[in-house]
Amino acid sequence: VCAVIFTIFVGTYFSASIGGAVAFL
């Protein structure tokens, strides 16, 4: 869950496509 939160923030900051990573986590 912490990794989801971290991925959301990092993905937004770097404008990365994070949907798959968030779904997996």
PDB file of all heavy atoms in Angstrom:
ATOM      1  N   VAL A   1       0.850  -1.199   0.000  1.00  0.00           N
ATOM      2  CA  VAL A   1       0.000   0.000   0.000  1.00  0.00           C
ATOM      3  C   VAL A   1       0.882   1.244   0.000  1.00  0.00           C
ATOM      4  O   VAL A   1       0.623   2.204  -0.752  1.00  0.00           O
ATOM      5  CB  VAL A   1      -0.966   0.002   1.204  1.00  0.00           C
ATOM      6  CG1 VAL A   1      -1.686   1.338   1.321  1.00  0.00           C
ATOM      7  CG2 VAL A   1      -1.980  -1.131   1.070  1.00  0.00           C
ATOM      8  N   CYS A   2       1.933   1.234   0.806  1.00  0.00           N
ATOM      9  CA  CYS A   2       2.880   2.362   0.801  1.00  0.00           C
ATOM     10  C   CYS A   2       3.527   2.521  -0.576  1.00  0.00           C
ATOM     11  O   CYS A   2       3.720   3.640  -1.057  1.00  0.00           O
ATOM     12  CB  CYS A   2       3.948   2.169   1.868  1.00  0.00           C
ATOM     13  SG  CYS A   2       3.340   2.334   3.553  1.00  0.00           S
ATOM     14  N   ALA A   3       3.833   1.401  -1.201  1.00  0.00           N
ATOM     15  CA  ALA A   3       4.423   1.450  -2.542  1.00  0.00           C
ATOM     16  C   ALA A   3       3.444   2.040  -3.547  1.00  0.00           C
ATOM     17  O   ALA A   3       3.851   2.765  -4.475  1.00  0.00           O
ATOM     18  CB  ALA A   3       4.875   0.052  -2.976  1.00  0.00           C
ATOM     19  N   VAL A   4       2.139   1.755  -3.389  1.00  0.00           N
ATOM     20  CA  VAL A   4       1.119   2.360  -4.258  1.00  0.00           C
ATOM     21  C   VAL A   4       1.160   3.875  -4.112  1.00  0.00           C
ATOM     22  O   VAL A   4       1.200   4.609  -5.103  1.00  0.00           O
ATOM     23  CB  VAL A   4      -0.294   1.819  -3.925  1.00  0.00           C
ATOM     24  CG1 VAL A   4      -1.383   2.691  -4.548  1.00  0.00           C
ATOM     25  CG2 VAL A   4      -0.451   0.385  -4.390  1.00  0.00           C
ATOM     26  N   ILE A   5       1.144   4.332  -2.879  1.00  0.00           N
ATOM     27  CA  ILE A   5       1.149   5.775  -2.611  1.00  0.00           C
ATOM     28  C   ILE A   5       2.412   6.415  -3.187  1.00  0.00           C
ATOM     29  O   ILE A   5       2.353   7.449  -3.877  1.00  0.00           O
ATOM     30  CB  ILE A   5       1.019   6.047  -1.105  1.00  0.00           C
ATOM     31  CG1 ILE A   5      -0.340   5.539  -0.599  1.00  0.00           C
ATOM     32  CG2 ILE A   5       1.191   7.532  -0.791  1.00  0.00           C
ATOM     33  CD1 ILE A   5      -0.454   5.428   0.912  1.00  0.00           C
ATOM     34  N   PHE A   6       3.548   5.791  -2.938  1.00  0.00           N
ATOM     35  CA  PHE A   6       4.815   6.304  -3.458  1.00  0.00           C
ATOM     36  C   PHE A   6       4.808   6.351  -4.983  1.00  0.00           C
ATOM     37  O   PHE A   6       5.218   7.343  -5.589  1.00  0.00           O
ATOM     38  CB  PHE A   6       5.967   5.429  -2.952  1.00  0.00           C
ATOM     39  CG  PHE A   6       7.311   5.847  -3.453  1.00  0.00           C
ATOM     40  CD1 PHE A   6       7.968   6.930  -2.899  1.00  0.00           C
ATOM     41  CD2 PHE A   6       7.921   5.159  -4.492  1.00  0.00           C
ATOM     42  CE1 PHE A   6       9.212   7.320  -3.362  1.00  0.00           C
ATOM     43  CE2 PHE A   6       9.163   5.539  -4.969  1.00  0.00           C
ATOM     44  CZ  PHE A   6       9.817   6.629  -4.399  1.00  0.00           C
ATOM     45  N   THR A   7       4.320   5.282  -5.608  1.00  0.00           N
ATOM     46  CA  THR A   7       4.293   5.204  -7.071  1.00  0.00           C
ATOM     47  C   THR A   7       3.391   6.289  -7.653  1.00  0.00           C
ATOM     48  O   THR A   7       3.730   6.902  -8.684  1.00  0.00           O
ATOM     49  CB  THR A   7       3.820   3.806  -7.529  1.00  0.00           C
ATOM     50  OG1 THR A   7       4.704   2.832  -6.978  1.00  0.00           O
ATOM     51  CG2 THR A   7       3.798   3.683  -9.035  1.00  0.00           C
ATOM     52  N   ILE A   8       2.259   6.545  -7.006  1.00  0.00           N
ATOM     53  CA  ILE A   8       1.365   7.600  -7.482  1.00  0.00           C
ATOM     54  C   ILE A   8       2.078   8.950  -7.462  1.00  0.00           C
ATOM     55  O   ILE A   8       2.038   9.714  -8.440  1.00  0.00           O
ATOM     56  CB  ILE A   8       0.068   7.639  -6.647  1.00  0.00           C
ATOM     57  CG1 ILE A   8      -0.799   6.409  -6.948  1.00  0.00           C
ATOM     58  CG2 ILE A   8      -0.718   8.920  -6.912  1.00  0.00           C
ATOM     59  CD1 ILE A   8      -1.984   6.242  -6.006  1.00  0.00           C
ATOM     60  N   PHE A   9       2.759   9.252  -6.369  1.00  0.00           N
ATOM     61  CA  PHE A   9       3.451  10.538  -6.271  1.00  0.00           C
ATOM     62  C   PHE A   9       4.615  10.635  -7.256  1.00  0.00           C
ATOM     63  O   PHE A   9       4.762  11.640  -7.953  1.00  0.00           O
ATOM     64  CB  PHE A   9       3.942  10.783  -4.837  1.00  0.00           C
ATOM     65  CG  PHE A   9       2.888  11.357  -3.955  1.00  0.00           C
ATOM     66  CD1 PHE A   9       2.184  10.545  -3.081  1.00  0.00           C
ATOM     67  CD2 PHE A   9       2.564  12.703  -4.007  1.00  0.00           C
ATOM     68  CE1 PHE A   9       1.194  11.056  -2.270  1.00  0.00           C
ATOM     69  CE2 PHE A   9       1.568  13.234  -3.208  1.00  0.00           C
ATOM     70  CZ  PHE A   9       0.877  12.413  -2.325  1.00  0.00           C
ATOM     71  N   VAL A  10       5.437   9.611  -7.318  1.00  0.00           N
ATOM     72  CA  VAL A  10       6.592   9.644  -8.217  1.00  0.00           C
ATOM     73  C   VAL A  10       6.136   9.681  -9.671  1.00  0.00           C
ATOM     74  O   VAL A  10       6.682  10.428 -10.494  1.00  0.00           O
ATOM     75  CB  VAL A  10       7.528   8.439  -7.955  1.00  0.00           C
ATOM     76  CG1 VAL A  10       8.579   8.305  -9.034  1.00  0.00           C
ATOM     77  CG2 VAL A  10       8.190   8.589  -6.591  1.00  0.00           C
ATOM     78  N   GLY A  11       5.131   8.873 -10.000  1.00  0.00           N
ATOM     79  CA  GLY A  11       4.615   8.850 -11.364  1.00  0.00           C
ATOM     80  C   GLY A  11       4.088  10.194 -11.805  1.00  0.00           C
ATOM     81  O   GLY A  11       4.277  10.609 -12.950  1.00  0.00           O
ATOM     82  N   THR A  12       3.421  10.889 -10.897  1.00  0.00           N
ATOM     83  CA  THR A  12       2.895  12.217 -11.223  1.00  0.00           C
ATOM     84  C   THR A  12       4.034  13.218 -11.392  1.00  0.00           C
ATOM     85  O   THR A  12       4.043  14.020 -12.321  1.00  0.00           O
ATOM     86  CB  THR A  12       1.926  12.692 -10.122  1.00  0.00           C
ATOM     87  OG1 THR A  12       0.853  11.770 -10.047  1.00  0.00           O
ATOM     88  CG2 THR A  12       1.389  14.068 -10.432  1.00  0.00           C
ATOM     89  N   TYR A  13       5.000  13.147 -10.498  1.00  0.00           N
ATOM     90  CA  TYR A  13       6.114  14.099 -10.549  1.00  0.00           C
ATOM     91  C   TYR A  13       6.934  13.938 -11.830  1.00  0.00           C
ATOM     92  O   TYR A  13       7.354  14.923 -12.428  1.00  0.00           O
ATOM     93  CB  TYR A  13       7.000  13.933  -9.312  1.00  0.00           C
ATOM     94  CG  TYR A  13       8.026  15.026  -9.180  1.00  0.00           C
ATOM     95  CD1 TYR A  13       7.641  16.292  -8.740  1.00  0.00           C
ATOM     96  CD2 TYR A  13       9.352  14.813  -9.501  1.00  0.00           C
ATOM     97  CE1 TYR A  13       8.559  17.310  -8.622  1.00  0.00           C
ATOM     98  CE2 TYR A  13      10.293  15.837  -9.383  1.00  0.00           C
ATOM     99  CZ  TYR A  13       9.879  17.079  -8.946  1.00  0.00           C
ATOM    100  OH  TYR A  13      10.799  18.090  -8.838  1.00  0.00           O
ATOM    101  N   PHE A  14       7.136  12.713 -12.257  1.00  0.00           N
ATOM    102  CA  PHE A  14       7.928  12.455 -13.453  1.00  0.00           C
ATOM    103  C   PHE A  14       7.070  12.277 -14.700  1.00  0.00           C
ATOM    104  O   PHE A  14       7.582  11.908 -15.750  1.00  0.00           O
ATOM    105  CB  PHE A  14       8.810  11.209 -13.263  1.00  0.00           C
ATOM    106  CG  PHE A  14       9.939  11.421 -12.300  1.00  0.00           C
ATOM    107  CD1 PHE A  14       9.886  10.893 -11.024  1.00  0.00           C
ATOM    108  CD2 PHE A  14      11.039  12.176 -12.661  1.00  0.00           C
ATOM    109  CE1 PHE A  14      10.925  11.091 -10.130  1.00  0.00           C
ATOM    110  CE2 PHE A  14      12.087  12.384 -11.780  1.00  0.00           C
ATOM    111  CZ  PHE A  14      12.030  11.848 -10.499  1.00  0.00           C
ATOM    112  N   SER A  15       5.770  12.509 -14.577  1.00  0.00           N
ATOM    113  CA  SER A  15       4.833  12.359 -15.689  1.00  0.00           C
ATOM    114  C   SER A  15       4.975  10.993 -16.360  1.00  0.00           C
ATOM    115  O   SER A  15       5.013  10.885 -17.582  1.00  0.00           O
ATOM    116  CB  SER A  15       5.026  13.483 -16.712  1.00  0.00           C
ATOM    117  OG  SER A  15       4.802  14.737 -16.118  1.00  0.00           O
ATOM    118  N   ALA A  16       5.073   9.960 -15.555  1.00  0.00           N
ATOM    119  CA  ALA A  16       5.251   8.603 -16.071  1.00  0.00           C
ATOM    120  C   ALA A  16       3.909   7.879 -16.107  1.00  0.00           C
ATOM    121  O   ALA A  16       2.982   8.215 -15.380  1.00  0.00           O
ATOM    122  CB  ALA A  16       6.226   7.840 -15.176  1.00  0.00           C
ATOM    123  N   SER A  17       3.834   6.874 -16.940  1.00  0.00           N
ATOM    124  CA  SER A  17       2.657   6.018 -17.013  1.00  0.00           C
ATOM    125  C   SER A  17       2.773   4.977 -15.893  1.00  0.00           C
ATOM    126  O   SER A  17       3.649   4.110 -15.936  1.00  0.00           O
ATOM    127  CB  SER A  17       2.586   5.337 -18.372  1.00  0.00           C
ATOM    128  OG  SER A  17       1.500   4.447 -18.408  1.00  0.00           O
ATOM    129  N   ILE A  18       1.902   5.078 -14.905  1.00  0.00           N
ATOM    130  CA  ILE A  18       2.036   4.249 -13.710  1.00  0.00           C
ATOM    131  C   ILE A  18       0.859   3.315 -13.478  1.00  0.00           C
ATOM    132  O   ILE A  18       0.831   2.581 -12.499  1.00  0.00           O
ATOM    133  CB  ILE A  18       2.225   5.125 -12.455  1.00  0.00           C
ATOM    134  CG1 ILE A  18       1.026   6.067 -12.305  1.00  0.00           C
ATOM    135  CG2 ILE A  18       3.539   5.871 -12.498  1.00  0.00           C
ATOM    136  CD1 ILE A  18       0.929   6.733 -10.959  1.00  0.00           C
ATOM    137  N   GLY A  19      -0.109   3.339 -14.370  1.00  0.00           N
ATOM    138  CA  GLY A  19      -1.333   2.564 -14.164  1.00  0.00           C
ATOM    139  C   GLY A  19      -1.063   1.095 -13.898  1.00  0.00           C
ATOM    140  O   GLY A  19      -1.624   0.505 -12.962  1.00  0.00           O
ATOM    141  N   GLY A  20      -0.220   0.487 -14.700  1.00  0.00           N
ATOM    142  CA  GLY A  20       0.084  -0.938 -14.521  1.00  0.00           C
ATOM    143  C   GLY A  20       0.777  -1.216 -13.204  1.00  0.00           C
ATOM    144  O   GLY A  20       0.452  -2.193 -12.514  1.00  0.00           O
ATOM    145  N   ALA A  21       1.721  -0.362 -12.838  1.00  0.00           N
ATOM    146  CA  ALA A  21       2.455  -0.548 -11.586  1.00  0.00           C
ATOM    147  C   ALA A  21       1.525  -0.394 -10.383  1.00  0.00           C
ATOM    148  O   ALA A  21       1.575  -1.196  -9.437  1.00  0.00           O
ATOM    149  CB  ALA A  21       3.614   0.440 -11.485  1.00  0.00           C
ATOM    150  N   VAL A  22       0.658   0.614 -10.430  1.00  0.00           N
ATOM    151  CA  VAL A  22      -0.271   0.834  -9.326  1.00  0.00           C
ATOM    152  C   VAL A  22      -1.234  -0.346  -9.210  1.00  0.00           C
ATOM    153  O   VAL A  22      -1.497  -0.836  -8.104  1.00  0.00           O
ATOM    154  CB  VAL A  22      -1.036   2.167  -9.490  1.00  0.00           C
ATOM    155  CG1 VAL A  22      -2.195   2.268  -8.509  1.00  0.00           C
ATOM    156  CG2 VAL A  22      -0.081   3.344  -9.312  1.00  0.00           C
ATOM    157  N   ALA A  23      -1.736  -0.824 -10.328  1.00  0.00           N
ATOM    158  CA  ALA A  23      -2.655  -1.970 -10.314  1.00  0.00           C
ATOM    159  C   ALA A  23      -1.961  -3.201  -9.743  1.00  0.00           C
ATOM    160  O   ALA A  23      -2.540  -3.919  -8.912  1.00  0.00           O
ATOM    161  CB  ALA A  23      -3.174  -2.253 -11.722  1.00  0.00           C
ATOM    162  N   PHE A  24      -0.733  -3.464 -10.171  1.00  0.00           N
ATOM    163  CA  PHE A  24       0.014  -4.623  -9.664  1.00  0.00           C
ATOM    164  C   PHE A  24       0.252  -4.510  -8.159  1.00  0.00           C
ATOM    165  O   PHE A  24       0.024  -5.467  -7.406  1.00  0.00           O
ATOM    166  CB  PHE A  24       1.353  -4.775 -10.396  1.00  0.00           C
ATOM    167  CG  PHE A  24       2.236  -5.819  -9.790  1.00  0.00           C
ATOM    168  CD1 PHE A  24       2.025  -7.163 -10.060  1.00  0.00           C
ATOM    169  CD2 PHE A  24       3.270  -5.465  -8.927  1.00  0.00           C
ATOM    170  CE1 PHE A  24       2.824  -8.143  -9.488  1.00  0.00           C
ATOM    171  CE2 PHE A  24       4.076  -6.429  -8.349  1.00  0.00           C
ATOM    172  CZ  PHE A  24       3.853  -7.766  -8.635  1.00  0.00           C
ATOM    173  N   LEU A  25       0.715  -3.349  -7.715  1.00  0.00           N
ATOM    174  CA  LEU A  25       1.020  -3.162  -6.293  1.00  0.00           C
ATOM    175  C   LEU A  25      -0.242  -3.263  -5.432  1.00  0.00           C
ATOM    176  O   LEU A  25      -0.226  -3.855  -4.356  1.00  0.00           O
ATOM    177  CB  LEU A  25       1.712  -1.815  -6.073  1.00  0.00           C
ATOM    178  CG  LEU A  25       3.125  -1.703  -6.648  1.00  0.00           C
ATOM    179  CD1 LEU A  25       3.594  -0.248  -6.627  1.00  0.00           C
ATOM    180  CD2 LEU A  25       4.084  -2.601  -5.896  1.00  0.00           C
TER     181      LEU A  25
END
